[in-house]
N, C-alpha and C. Protein backbone atom coordinates (compact mmCIF):
# COMPACT_ATOMS: atom_id res chain seq x y z
N MET A 1 -36.72 46.22 16.66
CA MET A 1 -36.60 46.12 18.12
C MET A 1 -37.11 44.76 18.59
N SER A 2 -36.34 44.09 19.43
CA SER A 2 -36.71 42.76 19.90
C SER A 2 -37.86 42.84 20.90
N THR A 3 -38.76 41.88 20.80
CA THR A 3 -39.85 41.79 21.77
C THR A 3 -39.55 40.76 22.85
N HIS A 4 -38.37 40.17 22.81
CA HIS A 4 -37.99 39.17 23.80
C HIS A 4 -37.83 39.80 25.18
N SER A 5 -38.19 39.04 26.19
CA SER A 5 -37.98 39.50 27.56
C SER A 5 -36.55 39.26 28.01
N THR A 6 -35.83 38.39 27.30
CA THR A 6 -34.44 38.12 27.62
C THR A 6 -33.54 39.06 26.84
N THR A 7 -32.84 39.91 27.54
CA THR A 7 -31.93 40.85 26.90
C THR A 7 -30.49 40.38 27.12
N PRO A 8 -29.58 40.77 26.23
CA PRO A 8 -28.19 40.31 26.36
C PRO A 8 -27.55 40.79 27.65
N THR A 9 -26.65 39.98 28.17
CA THR A 9 -25.82 40.36 29.30
C THR A 9 -24.39 40.50 28.79
N PRO A 10 -23.49 41.12 29.55
CA PRO A 10 -22.11 41.29 29.08
C PRO A 10 -21.46 39.96 28.70
N THR A 11 -20.68 39.99 27.65
CA THR A 11 -20.00 38.78 27.17
C THR A 11 -19.04 38.24 28.23
N ASP A 12 -19.14 36.94 28.49
CA ASP A 12 -18.24 36.29 29.44
C ASP A 12 -16.94 35.95 28.72
N THR A 13 -15.85 36.53 29.15
CA THR A 13 -14.56 36.31 28.48
C THR A 13 -13.72 35.22 29.13
N VAL A 14 -14.24 34.60 30.18
CA VAL A 14 -13.49 33.54 30.87
C VAL A 14 -13.62 32.23 30.11
N ASP A 15 -12.50 31.55 29.89
CA ASP A 15 -12.55 30.20 29.32
C ASP A 15 -12.69 29.24 30.48
N TRP A 16 -13.93 28.81 30.75
CA TRP A 16 -14.21 28.00 31.93
C TRP A 16 -13.67 26.59 31.82
N ALA A 17 -13.05 26.27 30.69
CA ALA A 17 -12.43 24.95 30.56
C ALA A 17 -11.27 24.77 31.54
N PHE A 18 -10.84 25.86 32.19
CA PHE A 18 -9.76 25.72 33.17
C PHE A 18 -10.14 24.77 34.30
N VAL A 19 -11.44 24.55 34.51
CA VAL A 19 -11.87 23.67 35.61
C VAL A 19 -11.58 22.21 35.33
N THR A 20 -11.13 21.87 34.14
CA THR A 20 -10.71 20.50 33.87
C THR A 20 -9.32 20.24 34.45
N GLU A 21 -8.64 21.31 34.85
CA GLU A 21 -7.26 21.18 35.34
C GLU A 21 -7.08 21.69 36.77
N GLY A 22 -7.96 22.56 37.23
CA GLY A 22 -7.80 23.14 38.55
C GLY A 22 -9.12 23.59 39.12
N PRO A 23 -9.13 23.98 40.40
CA PRO A 23 -10.38 24.33 41.08
C PRO A 23 -10.92 25.69 40.67
N CYS A 24 -12.20 25.90 40.96
CA CYS A 24 -12.86 27.19 40.76
C CYS A 24 -12.98 27.87 42.12
N ALA A 25 -12.37 29.02 42.27
CA ALA A 25 -12.38 29.72 43.55
C ALA A 25 -13.76 30.26 43.89
N GLU A 26 -14.59 30.49 42.87
CA GLU A 26 -15.91 31.09 43.12
C GLU A 26 -16.90 30.11 43.73
N CYS A 27 -16.97 28.90 43.18
CA CYS A 27 -17.99 27.96 43.64
C CYS A 27 -17.43 26.78 44.42
N GLY A 28 -16.10 26.62 44.42
CA GLY A 28 -15.48 25.55 45.19
C GLY A 28 -15.33 24.24 44.46
N PHE A 29 -15.70 24.20 43.18
CA PHE A 29 -15.57 22.96 42.41
C PHE A 29 -14.10 22.60 42.23
N ALA A 30 -13.78 21.31 42.34
CA ALA A 30 -12.44 20.83 42.06
C ALA A 30 -12.55 19.59 41.16
N PRO A 31 -11.84 19.55 40.05
CA PRO A 31 -11.97 18.43 39.12
C PRO A 31 -11.60 17.10 39.75
N GLY A 32 -12.45 16.10 39.51
CA GLY A 32 -12.18 14.75 39.98
C GLY A 32 -12.54 14.50 41.43
N LEU A 33 -12.90 15.55 42.18
CA LEU A 33 -13.23 15.39 43.59
C LEU A 33 -14.73 15.57 43.79
N ARG A 34 -15.41 14.48 44.20
CA ARG A 34 -16.86 14.59 44.40
C ARG A 34 -17.33 13.50 45.36
N GLU A 35 -18.38 13.82 46.10
CA GLU A 35 -18.95 12.86 47.04
C GLU A 35 -19.80 11.83 46.31
N LEU A 36 -20.46 12.26 45.25
CA LEU A 36 -21.31 11.37 44.46
C LEU A 36 -20.63 11.10 43.13
N SER A 37 -21.07 10.06 42.44
CA SER A 37 -20.59 9.83 41.09
C SER A 37 -21.12 10.95 40.20
N ALA A 38 -20.56 11.07 39.01
CA ALA A 38 -21.01 12.10 38.07
C ALA A 38 -22.50 11.92 37.76
N ALA A 39 -22.91 10.68 37.53
CA ALA A 39 -24.31 10.41 37.21
C ALA A 39 -25.22 10.77 38.37
N GLU A 40 -24.81 10.40 39.59
CA GLU A 40 -25.62 10.72 40.78
C GLU A 40 -25.72 12.23 40.98
N THR A 41 -24.63 12.93 40.74
CA THR A 41 -24.62 14.38 40.90
C THR A 41 -25.61 15.03 39.95
N LEU A 42 -25.62 14.58 38.71
CA LEU A 42 -26.56 15.15 37.74
C LEU A 42 -28.00 14.89 38.14
N ARG A 43 -28.29 13.65 38.53
CA ARG A 43 -29.67 13.32 38.91
C ARG A 43 -30.08 14.11 40.15
N ALA A 44 -29.16 14.25 41.10
CA ALA A 44 -29.47 14.99 42.32
C ALA A 44 -29.72 16.46 42.05
N SER A 45 -29.06 17.00 41.05
CA SER A 45 -29.19 18.43 40.77
C SER A 45 -30.59 18.83 40.34
N ALA A 46 -31.39 17.87 39.88
CA ALA A 46 -32.76 18.18 39.47
C ALA A 46 -33.56 18.77 40.62
N ALA A 47 -33.35 18.26 41.81
CA ALA A 47 -34.08 18.77 42.98
C ALA A 47 -33.65 20.20 43.29
N SER A 48 -32.38 20.50 43.10
CA SER A 48 -31.89 21.85 43.36
C SER A 48 -32.50 22.85 42.38
N TRP A 49 -32.61 22.46 41.12
CA TRP A 49 -33.21 23.38 40.15
C TRP A 49 -34.72 23.47 40.36
N GLN A 50 -35.35 22.38 40.82
CA GLN A 50 -36.77 22.44 41.16
C GLN A 50 -36.99 23.46 42.28
N GLU A 51 -36.11 23.43 43.26
CA GLU A 51 -36.18 24.41 44.36
C GLU A 51 -36.03 25.82 43.83
N THR A 52 -35.15 25.98 42.85
CA THR A 52 -34.89 27.31 42.29
C THR A 52 -36.10 27.89 41.58
N ILE A 53 -36.76 27.09 40.75
CA ILE A 53 -37.85 27.64 39.95
C ILE A 53 -39.11 27.88 40.78
N GLU A 54 -39.15 27.38 42.01
CA GLU A 54 -40.30 27.62 42.87
C GLU A 54 -40.19 28.94 43.63
N ARG A 55 -39.08 29.65 43.45
CA ARG A 55 -38.89 30.92 44.13
C ARG A 55 -39.82 32.00 43.58
N ASP A 56 -40.25 32.90 44.43
CA ASP A 56 -41.13 33.99 43.99
C ASP A 56 -40.43 34.93 43.03
N ASP A 57 -39.10 35.03 43.14
CA ASP A 57 -38.35 35.95 42.29
C ASP A 57 -37.71 35.26 41.09
N VAL A 58 -38.28 34.14 40.67
CA VAL A 58 -37.63 33.32 39.65
C VAL A 58 -37.40 34.08 38.34
N ARG A 59 -38.24 35.05 38.02
CA ARG A 59 -38.09 35.80 36.77
C ARG A 59 -37.34 37.13 36.95
N GLU A 60 -36.94 37.43 38.17
CA GLU A 60 -36.33 38.73 38.44
C GLU A 60 -34.81 38.68 38.34
N ARG A 61 -34.25 39.61 37.61
CA ARG A 61 -32.80 39.73 37.54
C ARG A 61 -32.31 40.57 38.73
N PRO A 62 -31.24 40.16 39.39
CA PRO A 62 -30.66 40.97 40.46
C PRO A 62 -30.23 42.35 39.94
N SER A 63 -29.79 42.36 38.69
CA SER A 63 -29.47 43.60 38.00
C SER A 63 -29.65 43.34 36.51
N ALA A 64 -29.61 44.40 35.72
CA ALA A 64 -29.84 44.23 34.29
C ALA A 64 -28.79 43.34 33.62
N GLU A 65 -27.63 43.23 34.25
CA GLU A 65 -26.51 42.51 33.65
C GLU A 65 -26.35 41.10 34.20
N VAL A 66 -27.25 40.66 35.07
CA VAL A 66 -27.17 39.32 35.67
C VAL A 66 -28.45 38.56 35.40
N TRP A 67 -28.34 37.33 34.95
CA TRP A 67 -29.52 36.52 34.65
C TRP A 67 -30.39 36.30 35.88
N SER A 68 -31.66 36.09 35.62
CA SER A 68 -32.61 35.68 36.66
C SER A 68 -32.41 34.20 36.97
N PRO A 69 -32.94 33.70 38.09
CA PRO A 69 -32.86 32.26 38.36
C PRO A 69 -33.45 31.43 37.23
N LEU A 70 -34.53 31.89 36.62
CA LEU A 70 -35.13 31.16 35.51
C LEU A 70 -34.18 31.08 34.33
N GLU A 71 -33.53 32.18 34.02
CA GLU A 71 -32.59 32.19 32.89
C GLU A 71 -31.40 31.27 33.16
N TYR A 72 -30.91 31.27 34.39
CA TYR A 72 -29.83 30.35 34.74
C TYR A 72 -30.28 28.90 34.62
N ALA A 73 -31.51 28.62 35.06
CA ALA A 73 -32.02 27.25 34.99
C ALA A 73 -32.14 26.79 33.54
N ALA A 74 -32.69 27.65 32.67
CA ALA A 74 -32.84 27.30 31.26
C ALA A 74 -31.48 27.12 30.60
N HIS A 75 -30.54 27.99 30.93
CA HIS A 75 -29.18 27.87 30.39
C HIS A 75 -28.55 26.55 30.80
N THR A 76 -28.66 26.20 32.07
CA THR A 76 -28.03 24.98 32.56
C THR A 76 -28.68 23.75 31.94
N ARG A 77 -29.99 23.79 31.76
CA ARG A 77 -30.68 22.70 31.04
C ARG A 77 -30.06 22.49 29.66
N ASP A 78 -29.84 23.58 28.93
CA ASP A 78 -29.28 23.47 27.58
C ASP A 78 -27.82 23.06 27.60
N VAL A 79 -27.09 23.48 28.63
CA VAL A 79 -25.69 23.06 28.77
C VAL A 79 -25.61 21.55 28.97
N VAL A 80 -26.50 21.01 29.79
CA VAL A 80 -26.51 19.56 30.01
C VAL A 80 -26.76 18.83 28.70
N GLY A 81 -27.71 19.32 27.91
CA GLY A 81 -27.96 18.71 26.61
C GLY A 81 -26.77 18.83 25.67
N LEU A 82 -26.12 19.99 25.70
CA LEU A 82 -24.94 20.21 24.85
C LEU A 82 -23.82 19.23 25.20
N PHE A 83 -23.56 19.05 26.49
CA PHE A 83 -22.48 18.15 26.89
C PHE A 83 -22.84 16.69 26.65
N HIS A 84 -24.11 16.38 26.68
CA HIS A 84 -24.55 15.03 26.29
C HIS A 84 -24.12 14.77 24.85
N GLU A 85 -24.34 15.75 23.98
CA GLU A 85 -23.97 15.61 22.57
C GLU A 85 -22.45 15.50 22.42
N ARG A 86 -21.72 16.32 23.13
CA ARG A 86 -20.25 16.33 22.98
C ARG A 86 -19.62 15.05 23.53
N ILE A 87 -20.08 14.60 24.68
CA ILE A 87 -19.54 13.36 25.24
C ILE A 87 -19.88 12.18 24.33
N SER A 88 -21.10 12.15 23.81
CA SER A 88 -21.51 11.09 22.88
C SER A 88 -20.61 11.08 21.66
N LEU A 89 -20.29 12.27 21.16
CA LEU A 89 -19.44 12.38 19.97
C LEU A 89 -18.06 11.78 20.23
N LEU A 90 -17.48 12.07 21.40
CA LEU A 90 -16.16 11.53 21.73
C LEU A 90 -16.21 10.01 21.91
N LEU A 91 -17.33 9.51 22.39
CA LEU A 91 -17.45 8.06 22.59
C LEU A 91 -17.65 7.32 21.27
N GLU A 92 -18.22 8.02 20.29
CA GLU A 92 -18.58 7.37 19.03
C GLU A 92 -17.53 7.52 17.95
N LYS A 93 -16.75 8.62 17.99
CA LYS A 93 -15.79 8.90 16.93
C LYS A 93 -14.40 9.10 17.49
N ASP A 94 -13.40 8.88 16.67
CA ASP A 94 -12.02 9.06 17.09
C ASP A 94 -11.58 10.50 16.89
N ASP A 95 -11.18 11.14 17.98
CA ASP A 95 -10.68 12.51 17.97
C ASP A 95 -11.55 13.48 17.15
N PRO A 96 -12.84 13.55 17.45
CA PRO A 96 -13.71 14.48 16.72
C PRO A 96 -13.48 15.92 17.17
N ARG A 97 -13.95 16.85 16.37
CA ARG A 97 -13.94 18.26 16.75
C ARG A 97 -15.38 18.74 16.82
N PHE A 98 -15.73 19.39 17.94
CA PHE A 98 -17.09 19.89 18.06
C PHE A 98 -17.10 21.41 17.93
N GLY A 99 -18.24 21.94 17.51
CA GLY A 99 -18.34 23.36 17.22
C GLY A 99 -18.44 24.24 18.45
N SER A 100 -18.40 25.53 18.23
CA SER A 100 -18.55 26.50 19.30
C SER A 100 -20.03 26.66 19.66
N TRP A 101 -20.29 27.18 20.84
CA TRP A 101 -21.67 27.37 21.31
C TRP A 101 -21.73 28.67 22.08
N ASP A 102 -22.58 29.57 21.63
CA ASP A 102 -22.71 30.89 22.25
C ASP A 102 -23.93 30.88 23.16
N GLY A 103 -23.69 30.62 24.45
CA GLY A 103 -24.78 30.52 25.40
C GLY A 103 -25.57 31.81 25.56
N GLU A 104 -24.90 32.94 25.47
CA GLU A 104 -25.59 34.23 25.58
C GLU A 104 -26.56 34.42 24.42
N GLN A 105 -26.13 34.07 23.22
CA GLN A 105 -26.99 34.23 22.06
C GLN A 105 -28.17 33.26 22.12
N VAL A 106 -27.91 32.05 22.57
CA VAL A 106 -28.99 31.07 22.71
C VAL A 106 -30.02 31.57 23.72
N ALA A 107 -29.56 32.20 24.79
CA ALA A 107 -30.47 32.72 25.82
C ALA A 107 -31.43 33.74 25.23
N VAL A 108 -30.91 34.62 24.38
CA VAL A 108 -31.74 35.65 23.75
C VAL A 108 -32.66 35.03 22.71
N ASP A 109 -32.08 34.20 21.84
CA ASP A 109 -32.87 33.60 20.76
C ASP A 109 -33.99 32.71 21.30
N SER A 110 -33.72 32.00 22.39
CA SER A 110 -34.72 31.11 22.98
C SER A 110 -35.61 31.83 24.00
N ASP A 111 -35.30 33.09 24.26
CA ASP A 111 -36.07 33.91 25.19
C ASP A 111 -36.27 33.21 26.53
N TYR A 112 -35.15 32.90 27.18
CA TYR A 112 -35.19 32.17 28.44
C TYR A 112 -36.13 32.82 29.46
N GLY A 113 -36.13 34.13 29.51
CA GLY A 113 -36.91 34.82 30.52
C GLY A 113 -38.41 34.67 30.39
N ALA A 114 -38.87 34.23 29.21
CA ALA A 114 -40.31 34.07 28.97
C ALA A 114 -40.76 32.63 29.10
N GLN A 115 -39.84 31.72 29.37
CA GLN A 115 -40.20 30.30 29.42
C GLN A 115 -40.92 29.96 30.71
N ASP A 116 -41.67 28.86 30.67
CA ASP A 116 -42.45 28.40 31.82
C ASP A 116 -41.50 27.73 32.82
N PRO A 117 -41.40 28.26 34.04
CA PRO A 117 -40.45 27.69 35.01
C PRO A 117 -40.66 26.21 35.27
N ALA A 118 -41.91 25.77 35.37
CA ALA A 118 -42.18 24.36 35.64
C ALA A 118 -41.69 23.48 34.50
N VAL A 119 -41.89 23.95 33.27
CA VAL A 119 -41.43 23.19 32.11
C VAL A 119 -39.90 23.15 32.08
N VAL A 120 -39.27 24.27 32.37
CA VAL A 120 -37.80 24.31 32.40
C VAL A 120 -37.25 23.31 33.41
N ALA A 121 -37.85 23.27 34.61
CA ALA A 121 -37.38 22.34 35.64
C ALA A 121 -37.56 20.89 35.21
N ALA A 122 -38.71 20.60 34.61
CA ALA A 122 -38.97 19.24 34.15
C ALA A 122 -38.03 18.85 33.02
N GLU A 123 -37.79 19.77 32.10
CA GLU A 123 -36.87 19.48 30.99
C GLU A 123 -35.44 19.33 31.49
N TYR A 124 -35.09 20.12 32.50
CA TYR A 124 -33.76 19.95 33.09
C TYR A 124 -33.61 18.56 33.68
N ALA A 125 -34.61 18.14 34.45
CA ALA A 125 -34.55 16.83 35.09
C ALA A 125 -34.43 15.72 34.05
N GLN A 126 -35.16 15.86 32.96
CA GLN A 126 -35.10 14.85 31.92
C GLN A 126 -33.73 14.83 31.26
N ALA A 127 -33.19 16.02 30.94
CA ALA A 127 -31.86 16.10 30.33
C ALA A 127 -30.79 15.54 31.27
N ALA A 128 -30.91 15.87 32.56
CA ALA A 128 -29.94 15.37 33.54
C ALA A 128 -29.99 13.86 33.64
N ASP A 129 -31.20 13.30 33.64
CA ASP A 129 -31.34 11.85 33.76
C ASP A 129 -30.79 11.15 32.52
N GLU A 130 -31.05 11.71 31.35
CA GLU A 130 -30.56 11.10 30.11
C GLU A 130 -29.03 11.17 30.05
N THR A 131 -28.46 12.29 30.48
CA THR A 131 -27.01 12.41 30.46
C THR A 131 -26.38 11.52 31.53
N ALA A 132 -27.04 11.41 32.67
CA ALA A 132 -26.55 10.51 33.72
C ALA A 132 -26.52 9.07 33.21
N ALA A 133 -27.54 8.69 32.46
CA ALA A 133 -27.58 7.33 31.90
C ALA A 133 -26.41 7.10 30.94
N LEU A 134 -26.02 8.15 30.22
CA LEU A 134 -24.87 8.05 29.32
C LEU A 134 -23.59 7.83 30.11
N LEU A 135 -23.49 8.47 31.28
CA LEU A 135 -22.26 8.41 32.07
C LEU A 135 -22.16 7.16 32.94
N ASP A 136 -23.31 6.56 33.24
CA ASP A 136 -23.31 5.36 34.08
C ASP A 136 -22.43 4.27 33.48
N GLY A 137 -21.47 3.79 34.24
CA GLY A 137 -20.71 2.63 33.81
C GLY A 137 -19.61 2.87 32.80
N LEU A 138 -19.25 4.13 32.52
CA LEU A 138 -18.15 4.36 31.59
C LEU A 138 -16.86 3.78 32.18
N ASN A 139 -16.09 3.10 31.34
CA ASN A 139 -14.85 2.51 31.83
C ASN A 139 -13.67 3.46 31.62
N GLU A 140 -12.51 3.09 32.12
CA GLU A 140 -11.34 3.97 32.06
C GLU A 140 -10.93 4.27 30.62
N GLN A 141 -11.05 3.29 29.76
CA GLN A 141 -10.69 3.51 28.36
C GLN A 141 -11.62 4.54 27.71
N GLN A 142 -12.90 4.46 28.02
CA GLN A 142 -13.85 5.43 27.47
C GLN A 142 -13.60 6.83 28.03
N LEU A 143 -13.26 6.91 29.32
CA LEU A 143 -13.01 8.21 29.94
C LEU A 143 -11.77 8.89 29.36
N ARG A 144 -10.87 8.10 28.76
CA ARG A 144 -9.65 8.67 28.18
C ARG A 144 -9.81 9.06 26.72
N ARG A 145 -10.96 8.75 26.12
CA ARG A 145 -11.15 9.10 24.71
C ARG A 145 -11.09 10.62 24.55
N THR A 146 -10.60 11.07 23.40
CA THR A 146 -10.31 12.49 23.21
C THR A 146 -11.07 13.11 22.04
N GLY A 147 -11.15 14.42 22.10
CA GLY A 147 -11.72 15.23 21.04
C GLY A 147 -11.26 16.65 21.26
N SER A 148 -11.69 17.58 20.41
CA SER A 148 -11.24 18.95 20.58
C SER A 148 -12.35 19.94 20.24
N ARG A 149 -12.23 21.11 20.82
CA ARG A 149 -13.15 22.20 20.58
C ARG A 149 -12.76 22.92 19.29
N ALA A 150 -13.63 23.76 18.78
CA ALA A 150 -13.38 24.45 17.52
C ALA A 150 -12.08 25.27 17.55
N ASP A 151 -11.69 25.76 18.74
CA ASP A 151 -10.46 26.54 18.85
C ASP A 151 -9.21 25.67 18.99
N GLY A 152 -9.41 24.34 18.97
CA GLY A 152 -8.29 23.42 19.05
C GLY A 152 -7.99 22.89 20.42
N ARG A 153 -8.65 23.39 21.45
CA ARG A 153 -8.40 22.90 22.80
C ARG A 153 -8.86 21.46 22.92
N ALA A 154 -7.99 20.59 23.44
CA ALA A 154 -8.28 19.17 23.53
C ALA A 154 -8.98 18.83 24.85
N PHE A 155 -9.85 17.84 24.80
CA PHE A 155 -10.56 17.36 25.98
C PHE A 155 -10.59 15.84 25.96
N THR A 156 -10.61 15.25 27.14
CA THR A 156 -10.97 13.85 27.28
C THR A 156 -12.43 13.78 27.70
N VAL A 157 -13.00 12.59 27.65
CA VAL A 157 -14.36 12.42 28.15
C VAL A 157 -14.40 12.79 29.62
N ALA A 158 -13.40 12.36 30.38
CA ALA A 158 -13.34 12.69 31.81
C ALA A 158 -13.29 14.20 32.01
N GLY A 159 -12.55 14.90 31.16
CA GLY A 159 -12.46 16.34 31.26
C GLY A 159 -13.78 17.02 30.96
N LEU A 160 -14.49 16.52 29.96
CA LEU A 160 -15.80 17.08 29.64
C LEU A 160 -16.80 16.86 30.77
N ILE A 161 -16.69 15.72 31.43
CA ILE A 161 -17.57 15.45 32.57
C ILE A 161 -17.30 16.46 33.69
N ASP A 162 -16.03 16.71 33.99
CA ASP A 162 -15.70 17.71 35.00
C ASP A 162 -16.22 19.09 34.58
N TYR A 163 -16.04 19.42 33.33
CA TYR A 163 -16.50 20.71 32.80
C TYR A 163 -18.01 20.84 33.02
N LEU A 164 -18.75 19.78 32.69
CA LEU A 164 -20.20 19.79 32.85
C LEU A 164 -20.61 19.92 34.32
N LEU A 165 -19.99 19.13 35.18
CA LEU A 165 -20.35 19.17 36.60
C LEU A 165 -20.05 20.54 37.20
N HIS A 166 -18.99 21.17 36.73
CA HIS A 166 -18.72 22.53 37.19
C HIS A 166 -19.81 23.48 36.75
N GLU A 167 -20.25 23.37 35.50
CA GLU A 167 -21.33 24.25 35.02
C GLU A 167 -22.55 24.14 35.92
N VAL A 168 -22.93 22.91 36.25
CA VAL A 168 -24.10 22.69 37.10
C VAL A 168 -23.88 23.31 38.48
N ARG A 169 -22.75 23.02 39.08
CA ARG A 169 -22.46 23.53 40.44
C ARG A 169 -22.35 25.05 40.45
N HIS A 170 -21.66 25.61 39.45
CA HIS A 170 -21.41 27.04 39.45
C HIS A 170 -22.71 27.83 39.27
N HIS A 171 -23.58 27.35 38.40
CA HIS A 171 -24.82 28.08 38.17
C HIS A 171 -25.79 27.94 39.34
N LEU A 172 -25.73 26.83 40.05
CA LEU A 172 -26.49 26.74 41.31
C LEU A 172 -25.93 27.76 42.31
N HIS A 173 -24.61 27.88 42.34
CA HIS A 173 -23.97 28.89 43.19
C HIS A 173 -24.43 30.29 42.78
N ASP A 174 -24.57 30.52 41.49
CA ASP A 174 -25.01 31.83 40.99
C ASP A 174 -26.38 32.23 41.53
N VAL A 175 -27.24 31.24 41.73
CA VAL A 175 -28.60 31.54 42.22
C VAL A 175 -28.75 31.29 43.72
N GLY A 176 -27.62 31.03 44.41
CA GLY A 176 -27.64 30.90 45.85
C GLY A 176 -28.08 29.56 46.38
N ILE A 177 -27.92 28.51 45.56
CA ILE A 177 -28.30 27.15 45.97
C ILE A 177 -27.04 26.33 46.17
N GLN A 178 -27.01 25.52 47.21
CA GLN A 178 -25.87 24.66 47.47
C GLN A 178 -25.79 23.55 46.43
N ALA A 179 -24.61 22.98 46.29
CA ALA A 179 -24.39 21.88 45.36
C ALA A 179 -25.31 20.72 45.71
N PRO A 180 -25.68 19.90 44.72
CA PRO A 180 -26.56 18.75 44.96
C PRO A 180 -26.02 17.84 46.05
N ARG A 181 -26.94 17.30 46.84
CA ARG A 181 -26.54 16.39 47.91
C ARG A 181 -27.23 15.04 47.74
N GLU A 182 -26.65 14.04 48.36
CA GLU A 182 -27.17 12.68 48.24
C GLU A 182 -28.58 12.57 48.83
N GLY A 183 -29.40 11.72 48.23
CA GLY A 183 -30.72 11.46 48.78
C GLY A 183 -31.85 12.17 48.07
N VAL A 184 -31.54 12.97 47.03
CA VAL A 184 -32.60 13.69 46.33
C VAL A 184 -32.74 13.25 44.88
N GLN A 185 -32.11 12.13 44.53
CA GLN A 185 -32.17 11.68 43.14
C GLN A 185 -33.59 11.41 42.66
N GLU A 186 -34.46 11.03 43.59
CA GLU A 186 -35.83 10.70 43.21
C GLU A 186 -36.53 11.88 42.56
N ALA A 187 -36.11 13.09 42.88
CA ALA A 187 -36.74 14.27 42.31
C ALA A 187 -36.54 14.33 40.81
N ALA A 188 -35.43 13.80 40.32
CA ALA A 188 -35.18 13.80 38.88
C ALA A 188 -36.21 12.95 38.16
N ALA A 189 -36.46 11.76 38.68
CA ALA A 189 -37.43 10.87 38.05
C ALA A 189 -38.84 11.48 38.10
N GLU A 190 -39.16 12.11 39.23
CA GLU A 190 -40.48 12.72 39.37
C GLU A 190 -40.65 13.87 38.38
N ALA A 191 -39.64 14.72 38.27
CA ALA A 191 -39.73 15.86 37.35
C ALA A 191 -39.76 15.39 35.90
N ALA A 192 -38.98 14.35 35.58
CA ALA A 192 -39.01 13.82 34.22
C ALA A 192 -40.38 13.25 33.88
N GLU A 193 -41.02 12.61 34.87
CA GLU A 193 -42.36 12.07 34.66
C GLU A 193 -43.36 13.20 34.41
N GLN A 194 -43.17 14.31 35.12
CA GLN A 194 -44.03 15.47 34.90
C GLN A 194 -43.86 16.01 33.49
N ALA A 195 -42.62 16.04 33.03
CA ALA A 195 -42.36 16.53 31.67
C ALA A 195 -43.04 15.62 30.65
N HIS A 196 -42.98 14.30 30.89
CA HIS A 196 -43.63 13.34 29.99
C HIS A 196 -45.14 13.56 29.98
N ASP A 197 -45.71 13.80 31.16
CA ASP A 197 -47.16 14.02 31.25
C ASP A 197 -47.55 15.30 30.52
N GLN A 198 -46.71 16.33 30.62
CA GLN A 198 -46.99 17.58 29.93
C GLN A 198 -46.93 17.40 28.42
N ASP A 199 -45.94 16.65 27.96
CA ASP A 199 -45.83 16.38 26.52
C ASP A 199 -47.03 15.61 26.01
N ALA A 200 -47.48 14.63 26.82
CA ALA A 200 -48.63 13.83 26.42
C ALA A 200 -49.89 14.69 26.36
N GLY A 201 -50.03 15.60 27.33
CA GLY A 201 -51.20 16.46 27.34
C GLY A 201 -51.21 17.42 26.17
N ALA A 202 -50.01 17.93 25.81
CA ALA A 202 -49.92 18.89 24.70
C ALA A 202 -50.22 18.25 23.36
N SER A 203 -49.98 16.94 23.25
CA SER A 203 -50.17 16.25 21.97
C SER A 203 -51.61 15.78 21.76
N GLN A 204 -52.41 15.88 22.80
CA GLN A 204 -53.81 15.43 22.69
C GLN A 204 -54.68 16.45 21.97
């Protein structure tokens, strides 16, 4: 019997890669349409997740089958890191294939529900800032570079960026937070600095 506080939720059968080609009716995301650049959007999202983890109900699931705000935050942090790896792979290699990733299984194995909310927010901010740095200044040729998923579905770098930005927006929607807005990018740097301070303290 598992001692984890994170229990499995129903398997998501939707292939969310459809957002590389069309809008999401649930959260309003539309590929290629954004007020901020991709990098700015990621950095701005740190403040939204910081707001999320400060909620009193951060560990509470609305129902047994729906993640808590903390679990959504931890999942989105790991998604940002995953897409950093995938986009890097497409930029570095010609037509690479990347493996599958089971987010539900990772949630259970990593016990998202037991993680420290402040650490999750700081790690999210750091991952968002690092991925934003990767996206800063990509040219049209780089955005057209291609690769494919384990099931053979093809992606461009631009498509993966849209896929990632949808994940961030949709999961904020899941926890009742509006999409990131301009003017809050500083929160990413502050949260990343907090994560660095925590790492330094833990190593002493």
